[in-house]
Amino acid sequence: MFDVERHADVCLVRICNGPVNAISFEGWAKFVDLIARLEKDDAGVLVITGLPGKHFCAGNDFREFRTLGKAAARRGSGTVMEVTRALRESRMVSIAALHGGALGSGLMLASACDIRLGARDAFIGLPEVNVNAFGGYRIVREVLGLGEARLMALTGEPMPIERAHALGFAQRLHDTPDELLSESLVLAQMIADKTRGVLGARVKDCLNREDAATLWDGFEVEMELGAEVMAAAAERT
């Protein structure tokens, strides 16, 4: 279901579950374990994509929903939340390379990443409401904005990547999936090269704490890490 390639400090994680790269609740639990393993193996940056395949990730297999009672559905949704939390709180930087559909829990996965790049064929959405389900709004709202996230959650209508890019959800667009993957790996290696040592170990935690803090409290967190990084650099010279 997940294919992993190591490129120095960069790990390429491919979701491989054709035809649309949907993931079962059991699969999401394996994703949590994968993140923990890659972190233990000292990966610096993750690139997550669905290539090869038609979609980045079409979310959960909706057929699974029909067999679940409330308790089982709650446990399954909790597993998806664990993946998003694991990515957000990991020291590893994560890049979502989006092509085709990033839908439902696939959009949640992309929203949990630090950076999102897209091929021009990509689109995003929260189609749960179309199949008598609900979820994904809160993490998507973090990176897309309240009104747009509510529009998707309440209508199930998809959004083309060009609009998502204009709204700041996607940071860069590329013409083809192949170009997307190539440039995602280049960016990942650049980030890995520039965030080694103290900075690599601490920068994600610093950014997360700043995002959760008020302006000046966040500034204090940032200055503390900045001082540590500069002191470590001075010791090496």
C-alpha atoms as a PDB file:
ATOM      1  CA  MET A   1       0.000   0.000   0.000  1.00  0.00           C
ATOM      2  CA  PHE A   2       2.929   2.332   0.685  1.00  0.00           C
ATOM      3  CA  ASP A   3       6.143   2.254  -1.312  1.00  0.00           C
ATOM      4  CA  VAL A   4       9.135   4.054   0.204  1.00  0.00           C
ATOM      5  CA  GLU A   5      12.269   5.226  -1.596  1.00  0.00           C
ATOM      6  CA  ARG A   6      15.190   6.793   0.250  1.00  0.00           C
ATOM      7  CA  HIS A   7      17.138   9.603  -1.428  1.00  0.00           C
ATOM      8  CA  ALA A   8      19.818  10.680   1.100  1.00  0.00           C
ATOM      9  CA  ASP A   9      17.890  12.623   3.769  1.00  0.00           C
ATOM     10  CA  VAL A  10      14.677  12.585   1.718  1.00  0.00           C
ATOM     11  CA  CYS A  11      12.072   9.824   1.729  1.00  0.00           C
ATOM     12  CA  LEU A  12       9.575   9.480  -1.105  1.00  0.00           C
ATOM     13  CA  VAL A  13       6.361   7.826   0.113  1.00  0.00           C
ATOM     14  CA  ARG A  14       4.044   6.637  -2.661  1.00  0.00           C
ATOM     15  CA  ILE A  15       0.464   5.624  -1.902  1.00  0.00           C
ATOM     16  CA  CYS A  16       0.022   2.549  -4.101  1.00  0.00           C
ATOM     17  CA  ASN A  17      -3.537   1.235  -3.871  1.00  0.00           C
ATOM     18  CA  GLY A  18      -5.123   1.519  -7.296  1.00  0.00           C
ATOM     19  CA  PRO A  19      -7.236   2.442  -8.985  1.00  0.00           C
ATOM     20  CA  VAL A  20      -7.790   5.645  -6.955  1.00  0.00           C
ATOM     21  CA  ASN A  21      -5.367   5.192  -4.026  1.00  0.00           C
ATOM     22  CA  ALA A  22      -8.136   4.955  -1.435  1.00  0.00           C
ATOM     23  CA  ILE A  23      -6.971   3.876   2.038  1.00  0.00           C
ATOM     24  CA  SER A  24      -8.846   1.686   4.513  1.00  0.00           C
ATOM     25  CA  PHE A  25      -8.856   2.418   8.224  1.00  0.00           C
ATOM     26  CA  GLU A  26      -6.399  -0.472   8.621  1.00  0.00           C
ATOM     27  CA  GLY A  27      -4.195   1.208   6.025  1.00  0.00           C
ATOM     28  CA  TRP A  28      -4.218   4.489   7.918  1.00  0.00           C
ATOM     29  CA  ALA A  29      -3.003   2.648  11.028  1.00  0.00           C
ATOM     30  CA  LYS A  30      -0.068   1.336   8.967  1.00  0.00           C
ATOM     31  CA  PHE A  31       0.658   4.915   7.863  1.00  0.00           C
ATOM     32  CA  VAL A  32       1.042   5.958  11.510  1.00  0.00           C
ATOM     33  CA  ASP A  33       3.579   3.175  11.994  1.00  0.00           C
ATOM     34  CA  LEU A  34       5.390   4.186   8.796  1.00  0.00           C
ATOM     35  CA  ILE A  35       5.822   7.782   9.959  1.00  0.00           C
ATOM     36  CA  ALA A  36       7.262   6.567  13.260  1.00  0.00           C
ATOM     37  CA  ARG A  37       9.677   4.232  11.456  1.00  0.00           C
ATOM     38  CA  LEU A  38      10.922   6.907   9.061  1.00  0.00           C
ATOM     39  CA  GLU A  39      11.475   9.303  11.935  1.00  0.00           C
ATOM     40  CA  LYS A  40      13.436   6.619  13.783  1.00  0.00           C
ATOM     41  CA  ASP A  41      15.530   6.099  10.628  1.00  0.00           C
ATOM     42  CA  ASP A  42      16.487   9.813  10.701  1.00  0.00           C
ATOM     43  CA  ALA A  43      14.665  10.898   7.548  1.00  0.00           C
ATOM     44  CA  GLY A  44      14.751  14.668   7.212  1.00  0.00           C
ATOM     45  CA  VAL A  45      12.020  15.441   4.686  1.00  0.00           C
ATOM     46  CA  LEU A  46       9.102  13.364   3.386  1.00  0.00           C
ATOM     47  CA  VAL A  47       7.563  13.713  -0.060  1.00  0.00           C
ATOM     48  CA  ILE A  48       4.130  12.067  -0.104  1.00  0.00           C
ATOM     49  CA  THR A  49       2.454  11.358  -3.436  1.00  0.00           C
ATOM     50  CA  GLY A  50       0.160   8.910  -5.204  1.00  0.00           C
ATOM     51  CA  LEU A  51       2.299   8.376  -8.268  1.00  0.00           C
ATOM     52  CA  PRO A  52       2.129   6.082 -10.104  1.00  0.00           C
ATOM     53  CA  GLY A  53      -1.646   6.147 -10.190  1.00  0.00           C
ATOM     54  CA  LYS A  54      -4.578   8.289 -11.166  1.00  0.00           C
ATOM     55  CA  HIS A  55      -4.988  10.163  -7.884  1.00  0.00           C
ATOM     56  CA  PHE A  56      -2.939  11.438  -4.950  1.00  0.00           C
ATOM     57  CA  CYS A  57      -5.426   9.824  -2.564  1.00  0.00           C
ATOM     58  CA  ALA A  58      -9.186   9.547  -2.998  1.00  0.00           C
ATOM     59  CA  GLY A  59      -9.625   9.188   0.756  1.00  0.00           C
ATOM     60  CA  ASN A  60     -11.254   6.282   2.537  1.00  0.00           C
ATOM     61  CA  ASP A  61     -12.919   3.406   0.780  1.00  0.00           C
ATOM     62  CA  PHE A  62     -16.559   4.492   1.097  1.00  0.00           C
ATOM     63  CA  ARG A  63     -17.663   0.866   0.893  1.00  0.00           C
ATOM     64  CA  GLU A  64     -16.139   0.409   4.334  1.00  0.00           C
ATOM     65  CA  PHE A  65     -18.513   3.013   5.785  1.00  0.00           C
ATOM     66  CA  ARG A  66     -21.564   0.857   5.053  1.00  0.00           C
ATOM     67  CA  THR A  67     -20.370  -1.877   7.415  1.00  0.00           C
ATOM     68  CA  LEU A  68     -19.499   0.304  10.413  1.00  0.00           C
ATOM     69  CA  GLY A  69     -21.469   1.078  13.520  1.00  0.00           C
ATOM     70  CA  LYS A  70     -20.904   4.313  15.416  1.00  0.00           C
ATOM     71  CA  ALA A  71     -18.120   2.982  17.668  1.00  0.00           C
ATOM     72  CA  ALA A  72     -16.191   1.434  14.770  1.00  0.00           C
ATOM     73  CA  ALA A  73     -16.606   4.561  12.658  1.00  0.00           C
ATOM     74  CA  ARG A  74     -15.312   6.669  15.545  1.00  0.00           C
ATOM     75  CA  ARG A  75     -12.254   4.437  15.953  1.00  0.00           C
ATOM     76  CA  GLY A  76     -11.541   4.521  12.228  1.00  0.00           C
ATOM     77  CA  SER A  77     -11.830   8.287  12.028  1.00  0.00           C
ATOM     78  CA  GLY A  78      -9.553   8.499  15.053  1.00  0.00           C
ATOM     79  CA  THR A  79      -6.899   6.583  13.120  1.00  0.00           C
ATOM     80  CA  VAL A  80      -7.022   9.141  10.293  1.00  0.00           C
ATOM     81  CA  MET A  81      -6.650  11.881  12.897  1.00  0.00           C
ATOM     82  CA  GLU A  82      -3.593  10.064  14.294  1.00  0.00           C
ATOM     83  CA  VAL A  83      -1.928  10.225  10.873  1.00  0.00           C
ATOM     84  CA  THR A  84      -2.536  13.968  10.550  1.00  0.00           C
ATOM     85  CA  ARG A  85      -1.263  14.541  14.086  1.00  0.00           C
ATOM     86  CA  ALA A  86       1.799  12.366  13.499  1.00  0.00           C
ATOM     87  CA  LEU A  87       2.722  14.408  10.417  1.00  0.00           C
ATOM     88  CA  ARG A  88       2.049  17.760  12.023  1.00  0.00           C
ATOM     89  CA  GLU A  89       3.978  16.964  15.207  1.00  0.00           C
ATOM     90  CA  SER A  90       6.838  15.048  13.587  1.00  0.00           C
ATOM     91  CA  ARG A  91      10.252  16.702  13.453  1.00  0.00           C
ATOM     92  CA  MET A  92      10.305  15.682   9.752  1.00  0.00           C
ATOM     93  CA  VAL A  93       9.216  18.265   7.199  1.00  0.00           C
ATOM     94  CA  SER A  94       6.522  16.891   4.877  1.00  0.00           C
ATOM     95  CA  ILE A  95       5.633  17.858   1.308  1.00  0.00           C
ATOM     96  CA  ALA A  96       2.427  16.691  -0.410  1.00  0.00           C
ATOM     97  CA  ALA A  97       2.876  16.288  -4.172  1.00  0.00           C
ATOM     98  CA  LEU A  98      -0.724  16.471  -5.420  1.00  0.00           C
ATOM     99  CA  HIS A  99      -2.006  15.109  -8.711  1.00  0.00           C
ATOM    100  CA  GLY A 100      -5.496  13.965  -9.625  1.00  0.00           C
ATOM    101  CA  GLY A 101      -7.845  13.929  -6.645  1.00  0.00           C
ATOM    102  CA  ALA A 102      -6.929  14.698  -3.032  1.00  0.00           C
ATOM    103  CA  LEU A 103     -10.297  13.926  -1.515  1.00  0.00           C
ATOM    104  CA  GLY A 104     -11.701  13.350   1.957  1.00  0.00           C
ATOM    105  CA  SER A 105      -9.038  11.850   4.182  1.00  0.00           C
ATOM    106  CA  GLY A 106      -6.609  12.294   1.271  1.00  0.00           C
ATOM    107  CA  LEU A 107      -7.187  16.041   1.541  1.00  0.00           C
ATOM    108  CA  MET A 108      -6.732  15.776   5.301  1.00  0.00           C
ATOM    109  CA  LEU A 109      -3.380  14.087   4.687  1.00  0.00           C
ATOM    110  CA  ALA A 110      -2.304  16.865   2.322  1.00  0.00           C
ATOM    111  CA  SER A 111      -3.494  19.519   4.787  1.00  0.00           C
ATOM    112  CA  ALA A 112      -1.357  18.000   7.546  1.00  0.00           C
ATOM    113  CA  CYS A 113       1.793  18.385   5.446  1.00  0.00           C
ATOM    114  CA  ASP A 114       3.951  21.479   5.794  1.00  0.00           C
ATOM    115  CA  ILE A 115       4.010  22.296   2.072  1.00  0.00           C
ATOM    116  CA  ARG A 116       1.713  21.371  -0.809  1.00  0.00           C
ATOM    117  CA  LEU A 117       2.748  21.320  -4.477  1.00  0.00           C
ATOM    118  CA  GLY A 118       0.347  20.443  -7.282  1.00  0.00           C
ATOM    119  CA  ALA A 119       0.220  19.255 -10.866  1.00  0.00           C
ATOM    120  CA  ARG A 120      -2.319  21.175 -12.927  1.00  0.00           C
ATOM    121  CA  ASP A 121      -4.599  18.144 -13.144  1.00  0.00           C
ATOM    122  CA  ALA A 122      -5.088  18.133  -9.363  1.00  0.00           C
ATOM    123  CA  PHE A 123      -8.294  18.913  -7.496  1.00  0.00           C
ATOM    124  CA  ILE A 124      -9.300  18.792  -3.844  1.00  0.00           C
ATOM    125  CA  GLY A 125     -12.553  18.147  -2.031  1.00  0.00           C
ATOM    126  CA  LEU A 126     -14.487  16.829   0.948  1.00  0.00           C
ATOM    127  CA  PRO A 127     -17.102  14.585  -0.692  1.00  0.00           C
ATOM    128  CA  GLU A 128     -18.209  12.870   2.528  1.00  0.00           C
ATOM    129  CA  VAL A 129     -21.539  14.712   2.585  1.00  0.00           C
ATOM    130  CA  ASN A 130     -22.386  13.074  -0.764  1.00  0.00           C
ATOM    131  CA  VAL A 131     -22.350   9.602   0.826  1.00  0.00           C
ATOM    132  CA  ASN A 132     -24.029  10.437   4.158  1.00  0.00           C
ATOM    133  CA  ALA A 133     -20.751  10.868   6.019  1.00  0.00           C
ATOM    134  CA  PHE A 134     -18.912  13.833   7.503  1.00  0.00           C
ATOM    135  CA  GLY A 135     -15.333  14.743   8.350  1.00  0.00           C
ATOM    136  CA  GLY A 136     -12.156  16.563   7.368  1.00  0.00           C
ATOM    137  CA  TYR A 137     -13.303  20.136   7.903  1.00  0.00           C
ATOM    138  CA  ARG A 138     -11.136  21.093  10.877  1.00  0.00           C
ATOM    139  CA  ILE A 139      -7.703  20.198   9.504  1.00  0.00           C
ATOM    140  CA  VAL A 140      -8.571  21.580   6.048  1.00  0.00           C
ATOM    141  CA  ARG A 141      -9.684  24.860   7.605  1.00  0.00           C
ATOM    142  CA  GLU A 142      -6.184  25.244   9.021  1.00  0.00           C
ATOM    143  CA  VAL A 143      -4.703  25.760   5.551  1.00  0.00           C
ATOM    144  CA  LEU A 144      -7.606  26.794   3.326  1.00  0.00           C
ATOM    145  CA  GLY A 145      -9.708  29.237   5.314  1.00  0.00           C
ATOM    146  CA  LEU A 146     -13.035  28.990   7.092  1.00  0.00           C
ATOM    147  CA  GLY A 147     -15.448  29.936   4.310  1.00  0.00           C
ATOM    148  CA  GLU A 148     -13.876  27.784   1.602  1.00  0.00           C
ATOM    149  CA  ALA A 149     -13.531  24.794   3.933  1.00  0.00           C
ATOM    150  CA  ARG A 150     -17.179  25.095   4.975  1.00  0.00           C
ATOM    151  CA  LEU A 151     -18.276  25.361   1.352  1.00  0.00           C
ATOM    152  CA  MET A 152     -16.514  22.082   0.529  1.00  0.00           C
ATOM    153  CA  ALA A 153     -17.717  20.315   3.683  1.00  0.00           C
ATOM    154  CA  LEU A 154     -21.355  21.334   3.143  1.00  0.00           C
ATOM    155  CA  THR A 155     -21.603  20.804  -0.618  1.00  0.00           C
ATOM    156  CA  GLY A 156     -19.071  18.082  -1.382  1.00  0.00           C
ATOM    157  CA  GLU A 157     -18.053  20.049  -4.470  1.00  0.00           C
ATOM    158  CA  PRO A 158     -14.401  19.775  -5.582  1.00  0.00           C
ATOM    159  CA  MET A 159     -12.025  22.695  -6.058  1.00  0.00           C
ATOM    160  CA  PRO A 160      -9.499  22.853  -8.924  1.00  0.00           C
ATOM    161  CA  ILE A 161      -5.880  23.196  -7.881  1.00  0.00           C
ATOM    162  CA  GLU A 162      -5.560  26.592  -9.599  1.00  0.00           C
ATOM    163  CA  ARG A 163      -8.072  28.078  -7.159  1.00  0.00           C
ATOM    164  CA  ALA A 164      -6.482  26.240  -4.246  1.00  0.00           C
ATOM    165  CA  HIS A 165      -3.154  27.755  -5.295  1.00  0.00           C
ATOM    166  CA  ALA A 166      -4.675  31.252  -5.496  1.00  0.00           C
ATOM    167  CA  LEU A 167      -6.037  30.803  -1.954  1.00  0.00           C
ATOM    168  CA  GLY A 168      -2.635  29.720  -0.617  1.00  0.00           C
ATOM    169  CA  PHE A 169      -3.443  26.045  -0.088  1.00  0.00           C
ATOM    170  CA  ALA A 170      -0.900  24.946  -2.708  1.00  0.00           C
ATOM    171  CA  GLN A 171       2.424  26.781  -2.729  1.00  0.00           C
ATOM    172  CA  ARG A 172       3.554  25.894  -6.273  1.00  0.00           C
ATOM    173  CA  LEU A 173       2.019  24.440  -9.446  1.00  0.00           C
ATOM    174  CA  HIS A 174       3.693  22.274 -12.084  1.00  0.00           C
ATOM    175  CA  ASP A 175       2.502  21.406 -15.565  1.00  0.00           C
ATOM    176  CA  THR A 176       2.696  17.613 -15.370  1.00  0.00           C
ATOM    177  CA  PRO A 177       2.783  14.915 -12.679  1.00  0.00           C
ATOM    178  CA  ASP A 178       6.314  13.959 -13.742  1.00  0.00           C
ATOM    179  CA  GLU A 179       7.513  17.552 -13.368  1.00  0.00           C
ATOM    180  CA  LEU A 180       5.689  17.746 -10.040  1.00  0.00           C
ATOM    181  CA  LEU A 181       7.503  14.725  -8.663  1.00  0.00           C
ATOM    182  CA  SER A 182      10.902  15.846  -9.906  1.00  0.00           C
ATOM    183  CA  GLU A 183      10.558  19.351  -8.505  1.00  0.00           C
ATOM    184  CA  SER A 184       9.133  18.063  -5.215  1.00  0.00           C
ATOM    185  CA  LEU A 185      12.238  15.952  -4.673  1.00  0.00           C
ATOM    186  CA  VAL A 186      14.501  18.887  -5.563  1.00  0.00           C
ATOM    187  CA  LEU A 187      12.698  21.103  -3.049  1.00  0.00           C
ATOM    188  CA  ALA A 188      12.796  18.377  -0.403  1.00  0.00           C
ATOM    189  CA  GLN A 189      16.554  17.954  -0.780  1.00  0.00           C
ATOM    190  CA  MET A 190      17.062  21.719  -0.605  1.00  0.00           C
ATOM    191  CA  ILE A 191      15.129  21.868   2.654  1.00  0.00           C
ATOM    192  CA  ALA A 192      16.998  18.850   4.027  1.00  0.00           C
ATOM    193  CA  ASP A 193      20.355  20.442   3.175  1.00  0.00           C
ATOM    194  CA  LYS A 194      19.413  23.708   4.886  1.00  0.00           C
ATOM    195  CA  THR A 195      17.871  22.234   8.045  1.00  0.00           C
ATOM    196  CA  ARG A 196      20.501  19.944   9.509  1.00  0.00           C
ATOM    197  CA  GLY A 197      21.720  19.623  13.073  1.00  0.00           C
ATOM    198  CA  VAL A 198      19.938  21.689  15.719  1.00  0.00           C
ATOM    199  CA  LEU A 199      17.692  23.356  13.166  1.00  0.00           C
ATOM    200  CA  GLY A 200      16.545  20.062  11.653  1.00  0.00           C
ATOM    201  CA  ALA A 201      15.807  18.589  15.064  1.00  0.00           C
ATOM    202  CA  ARG A 202      13.895  21.604  16.370  1.00  0.00           C
ATOM    203  CA  VAL A 203      12.464  23.687  13.541  1.00  0.00           C
ATOM    204  CA  LYS A 204       9.132  21.856  13.157  1.00  0.00           C
ATOM    205  CA  ASP A 205       8.448  22.074  16.876  1.00  0.00           C
ATOM    206  CA  CYS A 206       9.365  25.759  16.793  1.00  0.00           C
ATOM    207  CA  LEU A 207       7.006  26.474  13.892  1.00  0.00           C
ATOM    208  CA  ASN A 208       4.160  24.556  15.518  1.00  0.00           C
ATOM    209  CA  ARG A 209       4.613  26.345  18.829  1.00  0.00           C
ATOM    210  CA  GLU A 210       4.739  29.714  17.077  1.00  0.00           C
ATOM    211  CA  ASP A 211       1.533  28.956  15.193  1.00  0.00           C
ATOM    212  CA  ALA A 212      -0.221  28.111  18.456  1.00  0.00           C
ATOM    213  CA  ALA A 213       1.110  31.146  20.354  1.00  0.00           C
ATOM    214  CA  THR A 214       0.308  34.827  20.408  1.00  0.00           C
ATOM    215  CA  LEU A 215       2.576  37.067  18.338  1.00  0.00           C
ATOM    216  CA  TRP A 216       5.093  38.008  21.007  1.00  0.00           C
ATOM    217  CA  ASP A 217       5.117  34.631  22.753  1.00  0.00           C
ATOM    218  CA  GLY A 218       5.803  33.086  19.360  1.00  0.00           C
ATOM    219  CA  PHE A 219       8.563  35.598  18.774  1.00  0.00           C
ATOM    220  CA  GLU A 220      10.253  34.433  21.990  1.00  0.00           C
ATOM    221  CA  VAL A 221      10.124  30.796  20.833  1.00  0.00           C
ATOM    222  CA  GLU A 222      11.651  31.783  17.500  1.00  0.00           C
ATOM    223  CA  MET A 223      14.453  33.826  19.066  1.00  0.00           C
ATOM    224  CA  GLU A 224      15.386  30.962  21.366  1.00  0.00           C
ATOM    225  CA  LEU A 225      15.850  28.537  18.473  1.00  0.00           C
ATOM    226  CA  GLY A 226      17.617  31.175  16.388  1.00  0.00           C
ATOM    227  CA  ALA A 227      20.136  31.737  19.174  1.00  0.00           C
ATOM    228  CA  GLU A 228      20.772  27.988  19.527  1.00  0.00           C
ATOM    229  CA  VAL A 229      21.317  27.573  15.790  1.00  0.00           C
ATOM    230  CA  MET A 230      23.755  30.486  15.575  1.00  0.00           C
ATOM    231  CA  ALA A 231      25.650  29.297  18.661  1.00  0.00           C
ATOM    232  CA  ALA A 232      25.983  25.794  17.169  1.00  0.00           C
ATOM    233  CA  ALA A 233      27.282  27.273  13.908  1.00  0.00           C
ATOM    234  CA  ALA A 234      29.826  29.390  15.787  1.00  0.00           C
ATOM    235  CA  GLU A 235      31.143  26.304  17.583  1.00  0.00           C
ATOM    236  CA  ARG A 236      31.824  24.586  14.240  1.00  0.00           C
ATOM    237  CA  THR A 237      33.947  27.495  12.908  1.00  0.00           C
END
